Amino acid sequence: MLKKSNLFQEKSLFQVMIRTVSQFCIYYFNSRNNFMFKYLLIITCLLMPLTTKAADYAYFGFEPDIVTNYTAVKKKMGYVRLTVELMVPSTSLEIVEHHSPLLRDAIIDIIGKQPEEKVKSIKGRAEIQLKCEEKVKALLIKETGKPLIKKLLFTQWLDN
């Protein structure tokens, strides 16, 4: 049975380069007692954990921006326009995109039910963001069996 090389099991080119450099340093360090290579080896080992997280996640943005109404004072309607981004594992991006109409509708529904005080305050926006994130996770669990998103972000918020 053939065994795959560790080189092909790495997640990114940068990680492969770091692994190769560290293996060279270990070989060189064992053959000679060189002060510089001790530090190069330590730095390489410290950078290894940093490379795995960046490649694991992608961002899915709803296009076009979400524009919806909310109930303002004196039965007057206000509106809000926001950009929503979902932080998802790279492998789940296509699944989240497939369910985006359902998720978009849930976000619009939550925002449309909020009072003006919440929409206009920073604390209220944070609460709305948390509600949206919880609802999106619940919908994805219902549809796929997994939450699939790590974080929901409001990257732009305009209201009147």
C-alpha atoms as a PDB file:
ATOM      1  CA  MET A   1       0.000   0.000   0.000  1.00  0.00           C
ATOM      2  CA  LEU A   2       1.369   3.426  -0.938  1.00  0.00           C
ATOM      3  CA  LYS A   3       1.690   6.038   1.756  1.00  0.00           C
ATOM      4  CA  LYS A   4       1.088   9.662   0.829  1.00  0.00           C
ATOM      5  CA  SER A   5       3.860  12.074   1.621  1.00  0.00           C
ATOM      6  CA  ASN A   6       3.234  14.608   4.397  1.00  0.00           C
ATOM      7  CA  LEU A   7       3.918  17.281   1.784  1.00  0.00           C
ATOM      8  CA  PHE A   8       0.574  16.614   0.058  1.00  0.00           C
ATOM      9  CA  GLN A   9      -1.438  16.571   3.272  1.00  0.00           C
ATOM     10  CA  GLU A  10      -0.681  20.207   4.169  1.00  0.00           C
ATOM     11  CA  LYS A  11      -3.374  22.882   3.865  1.00  0.00           C
ATOM     12  CA  SER A  12      -1.445  25.666   2.144  1.00  0.00           C
ATOM     13  CA  LEU A  13       1.706  26.378   0.191  1.00  0.00           C
ATOM     14  CA  PHE A  14       2.979  28.559   3.022  1.00  0.00           C
ATOM     15  CA  GLN A  15       2.581  25.683   5.452  1.00  0.00           C
ATOM     16  CA  VAL A  16       4.453  23.363   3.071  1.00  0.00           C
ATOM     17  CA  MET A  17       7.298  25.876   2.833  1.00  0.00           C
ATOM     18  CA  ILE A  18       7.485  26.206   6.608  1.00  0.00           C
ATOM     19  CA  ARG A  19       7.501  22.440   7.016  1.00  0.00           C
ATOM     20  CA  THR A  20      10.304  22.085   4.453  1.00  0.00           C
ATOM     21  CA  VAL A  21      12.397  24.835   6.061  1.00  0.00           C
ATOM     22  CA  SER A  22      11.921  23.352   9.517  1.00  0.00           C
ATOM     23  CA  GLN A  23      12.955  19.888   8.312  1.00  0.00           C
ATOM     24  CA  PHE A  24      16.059  21.399   6.711  1.00  0.00           C
ATOM     25  CA  CYS A  25      16.854  23.255   9.930  1.00  0.00           C
ATOM     26  CA  ILE A  26      16.505  20.108  12.008  1.00  0.00           C
ATOM     27  CA  TYR A  27      18.849  18.263   9.672  1.00  0.00           C
ATOM     28  CA  TYR A  28      21.360  21.133   9.626  1.00  0.00           C
ATOM     29  CA  PHE A  29      21.102  21.698  13.382  1.00  0.00           C
ATOM     30  CA  ASN A  30      21.810  18.022  14.062  1.00  0.00           C
ATOM     31  CA  SER A  31      24.837  18.076  11.804  1.00  0.00           C
ATOM     32  CA  ARG A  32      26.294  21.377  13.093  1.00  0.00           C
ATOM     33  CA  ASN A  33      25.833  23.402  16.189  1.00  0.00           C
ATOM     34  CA  ASN A  34      24.920  26.731  14.576  1.00  0.00           C
ATOM     35  CA  PHE A  35      23.388  29.504  16.704  1.00  0.00           C
ATOM     36  CA  MET A  36      21.352  31.135  13.892  1.00  0.00           C
ATOM     37  CA  PHE A  37      19.544  27.936  12.997  1.00  0.00           C
ATOM     38  CA  LYS A  38      18.325  27.498  16.555  1.00  0.00           C
ATOM     39  CA  TYR A  39      16.385  30.755  16.250  1.00  0.00           C
ATOM     40  CA  LEU A  40      15.167  29.989  12.736  1.00  0.00           C
ATOM     41  CA  LEU A  41      13.823  26.669  13.967  1.00  0.00           C
ATOM     42  CA  ILE A  42      12.055  28.306  16.914  1.00  0.00           C
ATOM     43  CA  ILE A  43      10.450  30.977  14.699  1.00  0.00           C
ATOM     44  CA  THR A  44       9.333  28.337  12.199  1.00  0.00           C
ATOM     45  CA  CYS A  45       7.721  26.281  14.939  1.00  0.00           C
ATOM     46  CA  LEU A  46       5.945  29.339  16.322  1.00  0.00           C
ATOM     47  CA  LEU A  47       4.529  30.256  12.890  1.00  0.00           C
ATOM     48  CA  MET A  48       3.149  26.769  12.152  1.00  0.00           C
ATOM     49  CA  PRO A  49      -0.084  27.108  14.182  1.00  0.00           C
ATOM     50  CA  LEU A  50      -0.821  30.500  12.581  1.00  0.00           C
ATOM     51  CA  THR A  51      -1.051  29.058   9.081  1.00  0.00           C
ATOM     52  CA  THR A  52      -3.835  26.546   9.698  1.00  0.00           C
ATOM     53  CA  LYS A  53      -6.558  28.988  10.801  1.00  0.00           C
ATOM     54  CA  ALA A  54      -6.476  31.428   7.872  1.00  0.00           C
ATOM     55  CA  ALA A  55      -7.173  28.828   5.200  1.00  0.00           C
ATOM     56  CA  ASP A  56     -10.014  27.179   7.106  1.00  0.00           C
ATOM     57  CA  TYR A  57     -12.626  29.960   6.801  1.00  0.00           C
ATOM     58  CA  ALA A  58     -14.214  31.981   4.026  1.00  0.00           C
ATOM     59  CA  TYR A  59     -16.739  34.837   4.045  1.00  0.00           C
ATOM     60  CA  PHE A  60     -20.105  34.716   2.337  1.00  0.00           C
ATOM     61  CA  GLY A  61     -21.742  38.085   1.664  1.00  0.00           C
ATOM     62  CA  PHE A  62     -25.388  38.587   0.803  1.00  0.00           C
ATOM     63  CA  GLU A  63     -25.722  40.385  -2.536  1.00  0.00           C
ATOM     64  CA  PRO A  64     -27.316  42.866  -2.884  1.00  0.00           C
ATOM     65  CA  ASP A  65     -27.250  44.544   0.521  1.00  0.00           C
ATOM     66  CA  ILE A  66     -30.270  43.929   2.735  1.00  0.00           C
ATOM     67  CA  VAL A  67     -32.747  46.820   2.745  1.00  0.00           C
ATOM     68  CA  THR A  68     -35.818  46.577   4.966  1.00  0.00           C
ATOM     69  CA  ASN A  69     -38.292  48.631   6.972  1.00  0.00           C
ATOM     70  CA  TYR A  70     -38.704  48.843  10.737  1.00  0.00           C
ATOM     71  CA  THR A  71     -41.391  50.424  12.877  1.00  0.00           C
ATOM     72  CA  ALA A  72     -40.506  53.969  13.839  1.00  0.00           C
ATOM     73  CA  VAL A  73     -42.281  56.281  16.287  1.00  0.00           C
ATOM     74  CA  LYS A  74     -45.737  57.688  15.471  1.00  0.00           C
ATOM     75  CA  LYS A  75     -46.499  54.744  13.150  1.00  0.00           C
ATOM     76  CA  LYS A  76     -43.996  56.080  10.668  1.00  0.00           C
ATOM     77  CA  MET A  77     -41.806  53.608   8.796  1.00  0.00           C
ATOM     78  CA  GLY A  78     -38.036  53.810   8.909  1.00  0.00           C
ATOM     79  CA  TYR A  79     -35.620  51.817   6.813  1.00  0.00           C
ATOM     80  CA  VAL A  80     -32.257  50.214   7.300  1.00  0.00           C
ATOM     81  CA  ARG A  81     -29.676  49.114   4.754  1.00  0.00           C
ATOM     82  CA  LEU A  82     -27.010  46.686   5.891  1.00  0.00           C
ATOM     83  CA  THR A  83     -24.289  44.458   4.561  1.00  0.00           C
ATOM     84  CA  VAL A  84     -24.176  41.019   6.150  1.00  0.00           C
ATOM     85  CA  GLU A  85     -21.199  38.671   5.972  1.00  0.00           C
ATOM     86  CA  LEU A  86     -21.129  35.085   7.240  1.00  0.00           C
ATOM     87  CA  MET A  87     -17.882  33.488   8.391  1.00  0.00           C
ATOM     88  CA  VAL A  88     -18.109  29.857   7.268  1.00  0.00           C
ATOM     89  CA  PRO A  89     -15.724  26.913   6.933  1.00  0.00           C
ATOM     90  CA  SER A  90     -14.309  26.886   3.400  1.00  0.00           C
ATOM     91  CA  THR A  91     -15.794  23.468   2.751  1.00  0.00           C
ATOM     92  CA  SER A  92     -19.331  24.676   3.613  1.00  0.00           C
ATOM     93  CA  LEU A  93     -19.437  27.809   1.460  1.00  0.00           C
ATOM     94  CA  GLU A  94     -21.474  26.202  -1.321  1.00  0.00           C
ATOM     95  CA  ILE A  95     -24.044  24.817   1.138  1.00  0.00           C
ATOM     96  CA  VAL A  96     -24.519  28.213   2.795  1.00  0.00           C
ATOM     97  CA  GLU A  97     -24.895  29.835  -0.620  1.00  0.00           C
ATOM     98  CA  HIS A  98     -27.600  27.300  -1.490  1.00  0.00           C
ATOM     99  CA  HIS A  99     -29.587  28.266   1.635  1.00  0.00           C
ATOM    100  CA  SER A 100     -28.962  32.029   1.311  1.00  0.00           C
ATOM    101  CA  PRO A 101     -32.570  32.970   0.355  1.00  0.00           C
ATOM    102  CA  LEU A 102     -33.857  31.322   3.553  1.00  0.00           C
ATOM    103  CA  LEU A 103     -31.180  33.000   5.666  1.00  0.00           C
ATOM    104  CA  ARG A 104     -31.767  36.389   4.040  1.00  0.00           C
ATOM    105  CA  ASP A 105     -35.500  36.157   4.741  1.00  0.00           C
ATOM    106  CA  ALA A 106     -34.860  35.331   8.406  1.00  0.00           C
ATOM    107  CA  ILE A 107     -32.542  38.342   8.803  1.00  0.00           C
ATOM    108  CA  ILE A 108     -35.079  40.666   7.140  1.00  0.00           C
ATOM    109  CA  ASP A 109     -37.843  39.283   9.382  1.00  0.00           C
ATOM    110  CA  ILE A 110     -35.831  39.887  12.573  1.00  0.00           C
ATOM    111  CA  ILE A 111     -34.820  43.434  11.632  1.00  0.00           C
ATOM    112  CA  GLY A 112     -38.341  44.344  10.502  1.00  0.00           C
ATOM    113  CA  LYS A 113     -39.719  43.510  13.965  1.00  0.00           C
ATOM    114  CA  GLN A 114     -37.281  45.712  15.881  1.00  0.00           C
ATOM    115  CA  PRO A 115     -38.285  49.034  17.447  1.00  0.00           C
ATOM    116  CA  GLU A 116     -36.571  52.250  16.400  1.00  0.00           C
ATOM    117  CA  GLU A 117     -34.650  52.554  19.682  1.00  0.00           C
ATOM    118  CA  LYS A 118     -32.879  49.245  19.033  1.00  0.00           C
ATOM    119  CA  VAL A 119     -32.127  49.989  15.392  1.00  0.00           C
ATOM    120  CA  LYS A 120     -30.604  53.381  16.205  1.00  0.00           C
ATOM    121  CA  SER A 121     -28.479  52.347  19.221  1.00  0.00           C
ATOM    122  CA  ILE A 122     -25.117  50.561  19.193  1.00  0.00           C
ATOM    123  CA  LYS A 123     -26.192  48.181  21.963  1.00  0.00           C
ATOM    124  CA  GLY A 124     -29.419  47.436  20.105  1.00  0.00           C
ATOM    125  CA  ARG A 125     -27.549  46.650  16.909  1.00  0.00           C
ATOM    126  CA  ALA A 126     -25.340  44.208  18.788  1.00  0.00           C
ATOM    127  CA  GLU A 127     -28.459  42.490  20.158  1.00  0.00           C
ATOM    128  CA  ILE A 128     -29.981  42.348  16.670  1.00  0.00           C
ATOM    129  CA  GLN A 129     -26.749  40.890  15.296  1.00  0.00           C
ATOM    130  CA  LEU A 130     -26.750  38.208  17.994  1.00  0.00           C
ATOM    131  CA  LYS A 131     -30.421  37.362  17.302  1.00  0.00           C
ATOM    132  CA  CYS A 132     -29.684  37.085  13.583  1.00  0.00           C
ATOM    133  CA  GLU A 133     -26.670  34.862  14.207  1.00  0.00           C
ATOM    134  CA  GLU A 134     -28.668  32.549  16.491  1.00  0.00           C
ATOM    135  CA  LYS A 135     -31.540  32.338  13.988  1.00  0.00           C
ATOM    136  CA  VAL A 136     -29.216  31.627  11.052  1.00  0.00           C
ATOM    137  CA  LYS A 137     -27.451  28.889  13.018  1.00  0.00           C
ATOM    138  CA  ALA A 138     -30.808  27.376  14.037  1.00  0.00           C
ATOM    139  CA  LEU A 139     -32.030  27.380  10.425  1.00  0.00           C
ATOM    140  CA  LEU A 140     -28.824  25.778   9.171  1.00  0.00           C
ATOM    141  CA  ILE A 141     -29.029  23.113  11.881  1.00  0.00           C
ATOM    142  CA  LYS A 142     -32.618  22.411  10.842  1.00  0.00           C
ATOM    143  CA  GLU A 143     -31.697  22.207   7.148  1.00  0.00           C
ATOM    144  CA  THR A 144     -28.270  20.541   7.253  1.00  0.00           C
ATOM    145  CA  GLY A 145     -27.790  19.157  10.751  1.00  0.00           C
ATOM    146  CA  LYS A 146     -24.848  21.507  11.439  1.00  0.00           C
ATOM    147  CA  PRO A 147     -24.630  25.222  12.337  1.00  0.00           C
ATOM    148  CA  LEU A 148     -22.089  25.763   9.487  1.00  0.00           C
ATOM    149  CA  ILE A 149     -21.343  29.397  10.400  1.00  0.00           C
ATOM    150  CA  LYS A 150     -18.840  30.603  12.928  1.00  0.00           C
ATOM    151  CA  LYS A 151     -19.889  34.260  13.004  1.00  0.00           C
ATOM    152  CA  LEU A 152     -22.409  36.648  11.464  1.00  0.00           C
ATOM    153  CA  LEU A 153     -21.098  40.172  10.890  1.00  0.00           C
ATOM    154  CA  PHE A 154     -22.801  43.449  10.040  1.00  0.00           C
ATOM    155  CA  THR A 155     -20.087  45.188   8.020  1.00  0.00           C
ATOM    156  CA  GLN A 156     -22.200  48.218   7.060  1.00  0.00           C
ATOM    157  CA  TRP A 157     -25.287  49.716   8.710  1.00  0.00           C
ATOM    158  CA  LEU A 158     -27.247  52.713   7.433  1.00  0.00           C
ATOM    159  CA  ASP A 159     -30.570  53.787   8.917  1.00  0.00           C
ATOM    160  CA  ASN A 160     -32.830  56.829   8.737  1.00  0.00           C
END
